[in-house]
């Protein structure tokens, strides 16, 4: 697990929360899409992150460009996002 500051420099970041079935589904989709390694940031207990992502998680963020892919997404959408499409 990384802090938000450490993850900011990561190529891909998945924002999620504890006990989140949608987050579990997103992890399965990302595995099917063969998304390269990513950092996980847990938003629980961080007021700023909960305010930004609380109702949106899971969210995949490109740490380089700042683009974000909100749930729901499928494997094709995840691959396109990673490819920059």
N, C-alpha and C. Protein backbone atom coordinates (compact mmCIF):
# COMPACT_ATOMS: atom_id res chain seq x y z
N UNK A 1 0.85 -1.18 0.00
CA UNK A 1 0.00 0.00 0.00
C UNK A 1 0.89 1.23 0.00
N UNK A 2 0.50 2.24 -0.74
CA UNK A 2 1.27 3.47 -0.85
C UNK A 2 0.46 4.62 -0.32
N UNK A 3 1.16 5.66 0.06
CA UNK A 3 0.48 6.88 0.43
C UNK A 3 0.09 7.61 -0.84
N UNK A 4 -0.86 8.54 -0.78
CA UNK A 4 -1.23 9.29 -1.97
C UNK A 4 -0.04 10.03 -2.58
N UNK A 5 0.88 10.54 -1.73
CA UNK A 5 2.04 11.26 -2.26
C UNK A 5 2.95 10.34 -3.05
N UNK A 6 3.19 9.12 -2.54
CA UNK A 6 4.01 8.16 -3.26
C UNK A 6 3.33 7.74 -4.55
N UNK A 7 2.02 7.52 -4.49
CA UNK A 7 1.29 7.05 -5.66
C UNK A 7 1.21 8.11 -6.75
N UNK A 8 1.33 9.37 -6.37
CA UNK A 8 1.22 10.44 -7.36
C UNK A 8 2.27 10.29 -8.45
N UNK A 9 3.39 9.64 -8.12
CA UNK A 9 4.43 9.46 -9.12
C UNK A 9 4.29 8.14 -9.87
N UNK A 10 3.34 7.31 -9.49
CA UNK A 10 3.14 6.02 -10.15
C UNK A 10 2.46 6.23 -11.49
N UNK A 11 2.77 5.33 -12.42
CA UNK A 11 2.15 5.42 -13.74
C UNK A 11 0.64 5.21 -13.65
N UNK A 12 0.21 4.19 -12.89
CA UNK A 12 -1.21 3.92 -12.73
C UNK A 12 -1.53 3.78 -11.24
N UNK A 13 -2.67 4.31 -10.86
CA UNK A 13 -3.11 4.29 -9.47
C UNK A 13 -4.56 3.83 -9.45
N UNK A 14 -4.87 2.87 -8.59
CA UNK A 14 -6.25 2.45 -8.39
C UNK A 14 -6.69 2.93 -7.03
N UNK A 15 -7.66 3.85 -7.01
CA UNK A 15 -8.24 4.31 -5.76
C UNK A 15 -9.38 3.37 -5.41
N UNK A 16 -9.34 2.87 -4.16
CA UNK A 16 -10.39 1.96 -3.72
C UNK A 16 -10.58 2.08 -2.22
N UNK A 17 -11.54 1.32 -1.70
CA UNK A 17 -11.79 1.34 -0.27
C UNK A 17 -11.92 -0.09 0.23
N UNK A 18 -11.82 -0.24 1.55
CA UNK A 18 -11.98 -1.55 2.18
C UNK A 18 -13.41 -2.04 2.00
N UNK A 19 -13.56 -3.35 1.96
CA UNK A 19 -14.89 -3.98 1.88
C UNK A 19 -15.72 -3.40 0.74
N UNK A 20 -15.13 -3.35 -0.44
CA UNK A 20 -15.78 -2.75 -1.61
C UNK A 20 -15.91 -3.82 -2.70
N UNK A 21 -17.10 -4.43 -2.84
CA UNK A 21 -17.28 -5.44 -3.88
C UNK A 21 -16.99 -4.92 -5.29
N UNK A 22 -17.30 -3.66 -5.55
CA UNK A 22 -17.01 -3.10 -6.87
C UNK A 22 -15.50 -3.00 -7.10
N UNK A 23 -14.77 -2.72 -6.04
CA UNK A 23 -13.31 -2.67 -6.15
C UNK A 23 -12.76 -4.05 -6.47
N UNK A 24 -13.33 -5.07 -5.84
CA UNK A 24 -12.92 -6.45 -6.13
C UNK A 24 -13.19 -6.78 -7.60
N UNK A 25 -14.35 -6.36 -8.10
CA UNK A 25 -14.67 -6.59 -9.51
C UNK A 25 -13.69 -5.86 -10.41
N UNK A 26 -13.34 -4.63 -10.04
CA UNK A 26 -12.40 -3.85 -10.85
C UNK A 26 -11.04 -4.55 -10.92
N UNK A 27 -10.59 -5.11 -9.81
CA UNK A 27 -9.32 -5.84 -9.81
C UNK A 27 -9.37 -7.02 -10.77
N UNK A 28 -10.49 -7.71 -10.82
CA UNK A 28 -10.64 -8.83 -11.75
C UNK A 28 -10.61 -8.33 -13.19
N UNK A 29 -11.28 -7.22 -13.47
CA UNK A 29 -11.28 -6.65 -14.82
C UNK A 29 -9.87 -6.23 -15.22
N UNK A 30 -9.15 -5.59 -14.31
CA UNK A 30 -7.79 -5.14 -14.62
C UNK A 30 -6.87 -6.34 -14.88
N UNK A 31 -7.08 -7.41 -14.15
CA UNK A 31 -6.29 -8.63 -14.38
C UNK A 31 -6.61 -9.22 -15.76
N UNK A 32 -7.90 -9.28 -16.11
CA UNK A 32 -8.29 -9.80 -17.43
C UNK A 32 -7.72 -8.94 -18.55
N UNK A 33 -7.67 -7.63 -18.30
CA UNK A 33 -7.16 -6.69 -19.31
C UNK A 33 -5.63 -6.69 -19.36
N UNK A 34 -5.01 -7.41 -18.42
CA UNK A 34 -3.55 -7.44 -18.30
C UNK A 34 -2.96 -6.04 -18.19
N UNK A 35 -3.62 -5.23 -17.36
CA UNK A 35 -3.12 -3.89 -17.08
C UNK A 35 -1.80 -4.02 -16.33
N UNK A 36 -0.80 -3.25 -16.73
CA UNK A 36 0.49 -3.36 -16.05
C UNK A 36 0.37 -2.98 -14.57
N UNK A 37 1.44 -3.20 -13.86
CA UNK A 37 1.46 -2.94 -12.44
C UNK A 37 0.92 -1.55 -12.11
N UNK A 38 0.20 -1.48 -11.00
CA UNK A 38 -0.35 -0.20 -10.56
C UNK A 38 -0.25 -0.12 -9.04
N UNK A 39 -0.29 1.11 -8.55
CA UNK A 39 -0.31 1.35 -7.11
C UNK A 39 -1.76 1.34 -6.65
N UNK A 40 -1.96 0.93 -5.41
CA UNK A 40 -3.29 0.98 -4.80
C UNK A 40 -3.27 2.05 -3.72
N UNK A 41 -4.27 2.91 -3.75
CA UNK A 41 -4.44 3.91 -2.70
C UNK A 41 -5.81 3.68 -2.08
N UNK A 42 -5.80 3.44 -0.78
CA UNK A 42 -7.04 3.23 -0.04
C UNK A 42 -7.53 4.60 0.43
N UNK A 43 -8.77 4.94 0.10
CA UNK A 43 -9.27 6.27 0.42
C UNK A 43 -9.87 6.35 1.82
N UNK A 44 -10.12 5.21 2.45
CA UNK A 44 -10.74 5.19 3.77
C UNK A 44 -9.92 6.01 4.77
N UNK A 45 -10.59 6.89 5.48
CA UNK A 45 -9.94 7.66 6.53
C UNK A 45 -9.20 8.89 6.06
N UNK A 46 -9.17 9.13 4.76
CA UNK A 46 -8.52 10.34 4.23
C UNK A 46 -9.64 11.25 3.72
N UNK A 47 -9.91 12.31 4.46
CA UNK A 47 -11.05 13.18 4.14
C UNK A 47 -10.99 13.74 2.73
N UNK A 48 -9.80 14.15 2.30
CA UNK A 48 -9.67 14.72 0.95
C UNK A 48 -9.97 13.67 -0.12
N UNK A 49 -9.40 12.47 0.04
CA UNK A 49 -9.64 11.42 -0.95
C UNK A 49 -11.09 10.93 -0.90
N UNK A 50 -11.66 10.82 0.29
CA UNK A 50 -13.06 10.41 0.39
C UNK A 50 -13.96 11.44 -0.27
N UNK A 51 -13.63 12.72 -0.10
CA UNK A 51 -14.42 13.76 -0.75
C UNK A 51 -14.34 13.70 -2.26
N UNK A 52 -13.18 13.36 -2.78
CA UNK A 52 -12.99 13.31 -4.23
C UNK A 52 -13.48 12.01 -4.86
N UNK A 53 -13.22 10.88 -4.17
CA UNK A 53 -13.47 9.58 -4.78
C UNK A 53 -14.54 8.75 -4.08
N UNK A 54 -15.08 9.24 -2.97
CA UNK A 54 -15.97 8.44 -2.13
C UNK A 54 -17.08 7.71 -2.86
N UNK A 55 -17.80 8.39 -3.73
CA UNK A 55 -18.90 7.72 -4.44
C UNK A 55 -18.48 7.24 -5.82
N UNK A 56 -17.21 7.46 -6.18
CA UNK A 56 -16.74 7.08 -7.52
C UNK A 56 -15.93 5.80 -7.54
N UNK A 57 -15.40 5.36 -6.40
CA UNK A 57 -14.49 4.21 -6.40
C UNK A 57 -15.17 2.98 -6.93
N UNK A 58 -14.40 2.15 -7.59
CA UNK A 58 -12.98 2.26 -7.88
C UNK A 58 -12.72 3.22 -9.04
N UNK A 59 -11.58 3.88 -8.98
CA UNK A 59 -11.15 4.80 -10.04
C UNK A 59 -9.71 4.48 -10.39
N UNK A 60 -9.45 4.29 -11.68
CA UNK A 60 -8.09 4.10 -12.18
C UNK A 60 -7.59 5.44 -12.69
N UNK A 61 -6.44 5.86 -12.17
CA UNK A 61 -5.89 7.17 -12.54
C UNK A 61 -4.53 6.99 -13.20
N UNK A 62 -4.31 7.75 -14.26
CA UNK A 62 -3.00 7.81 -14.90
C UNK A 62 -2.22 8.88 -14.15
N UNK A 63 -1.23 8.46 -13.40
CA UNK A 63 -0.45 9.38 -12.58
C UNK A 63 0.37 10.36 -13.38
N UNK A 64 0.59 10.07 -14.64
CA UNK A 64 1.37 10.96 -15.50
C UNK A 64 0.51 12.08 -16.07
N UNK A 65 -0.66 11.72 -16.60
CA UNK A 65 -1.51 12.71 -17.27
C UNK A 65 -2.64 13.23 -16.40
N UNK A 66 -2.99 12.49 -15.34
CA UNK A 66 -4.11 12.88 -14.50
C UNK A 66 -5.46 12.39 -14.99
N UNK A 67 -5.47 11.70 -16.14
CA UNK A 67 -6.74 11.15 -16.65
C UNK A 67 -7.25 10.11 -15.66
N UNK A 68 -8.58 9.98 -15.60
CA UNK A 68 -9.18 9.02 -14.70
C UNK A 68 -10.25 8.21 -15.42
N UNK A 69 -10.33 6.93 -15.03
CA UNK A 69 -11.33 6.02 -15.56
C UNK A 69 -12.19 5.57 -14.39
N UNK A 70 -13.43 6.04 -14.38
CA UNK A 70 -14.36 5.71 -13.30
C UNK A 70 -15.04 4.38 -13.57
N UNK A 71 -15.40 3.70 -12.50
CA UNK A 71 -16.20 2.49 -12.58
C UNK A 71 -17.60 2.88 -13.00
N UNK A 72 -18.28 2.11 -13.81
CA UNK A 72 -17.91 0.78 -14.29
C UNK A 72 -17.08 0.86 -15.56
N UNK A 73 -16.10 -0.06 -15.64
CA UNK A 73 -15.32 -0.21 -16.87
C UNK A 73 -15.09 -1.70 -17.11
N UNK A 74 -14.89 -2.03 -18.39
CA UNK A 74 -14.62 -3.42 -18.74
C UNK A 74 -13.17 -3.54 -19.20
N UNK A 75 -12.78 -4.74 -19.58
CA UNK A 75 -11.39 -4.99 -19.96
C UNK A 75 -10.98 -4.16 -21.17
N UNK A 76 -11.86 -4.04 -22.16
CA UNK A 76 -11.53 -3.23 -23.34
C UNK A 76 -11.32 -1.77 -22.97
N UNK A 77 -12.19 -1.25 -22.13
CA UNK A 77 -12.06 0.15 -21.69
C UNK A 77 -10.76 0.36 -20.93
N UNK A 78 -10.41 -0.60 -20.08
CA UNK A 78 -9.17 -0.50 -19.31
C UNK A 78 -7.96 -0.52 -20.23
N UNK A 79 -7.96 -1.42 -21.22
CA UNK A 79 -6.84 -1.49 -22.17
C UNK A 79 -6.72 -0.18 -22.95
N UNK A 80 -7.85 0.35 -23.41
CA UNK A 80 -7.84 1.61 -24.15
C UNK A 80 -7.31 2.75 -23.27
N UNK A 81 -7.73 2.76 -22.01
CA UNK A 81 -7.28 3.80 -21.09
C UNK A 81 -5.76 3.74 -20.92
N UNK A 82 -5.23 2.54 -20.71
CA UNK A 82 -3.79 2.37 -20.52
C UNK A 82 -3.03 2.77 -21.79
N UNK A 83 -3.62 2.47 -22.93
CA UNK A 83 -2.98 2.80 -24.21
C UNK A 83 -3.07 4.30 -24.53
N UNK A 84 -3.85 5.03 -23.73
CA UNK A 84 -3.96 6.47 -23.94
C UNK A 84 -5.06 6.87 -24.89
N UNK A 85 -5.92 5.91 -25.25
CA UNK A 85 -7.01 6.20 -26.20
C UNK A 85 -8.10 7.02 -25.53
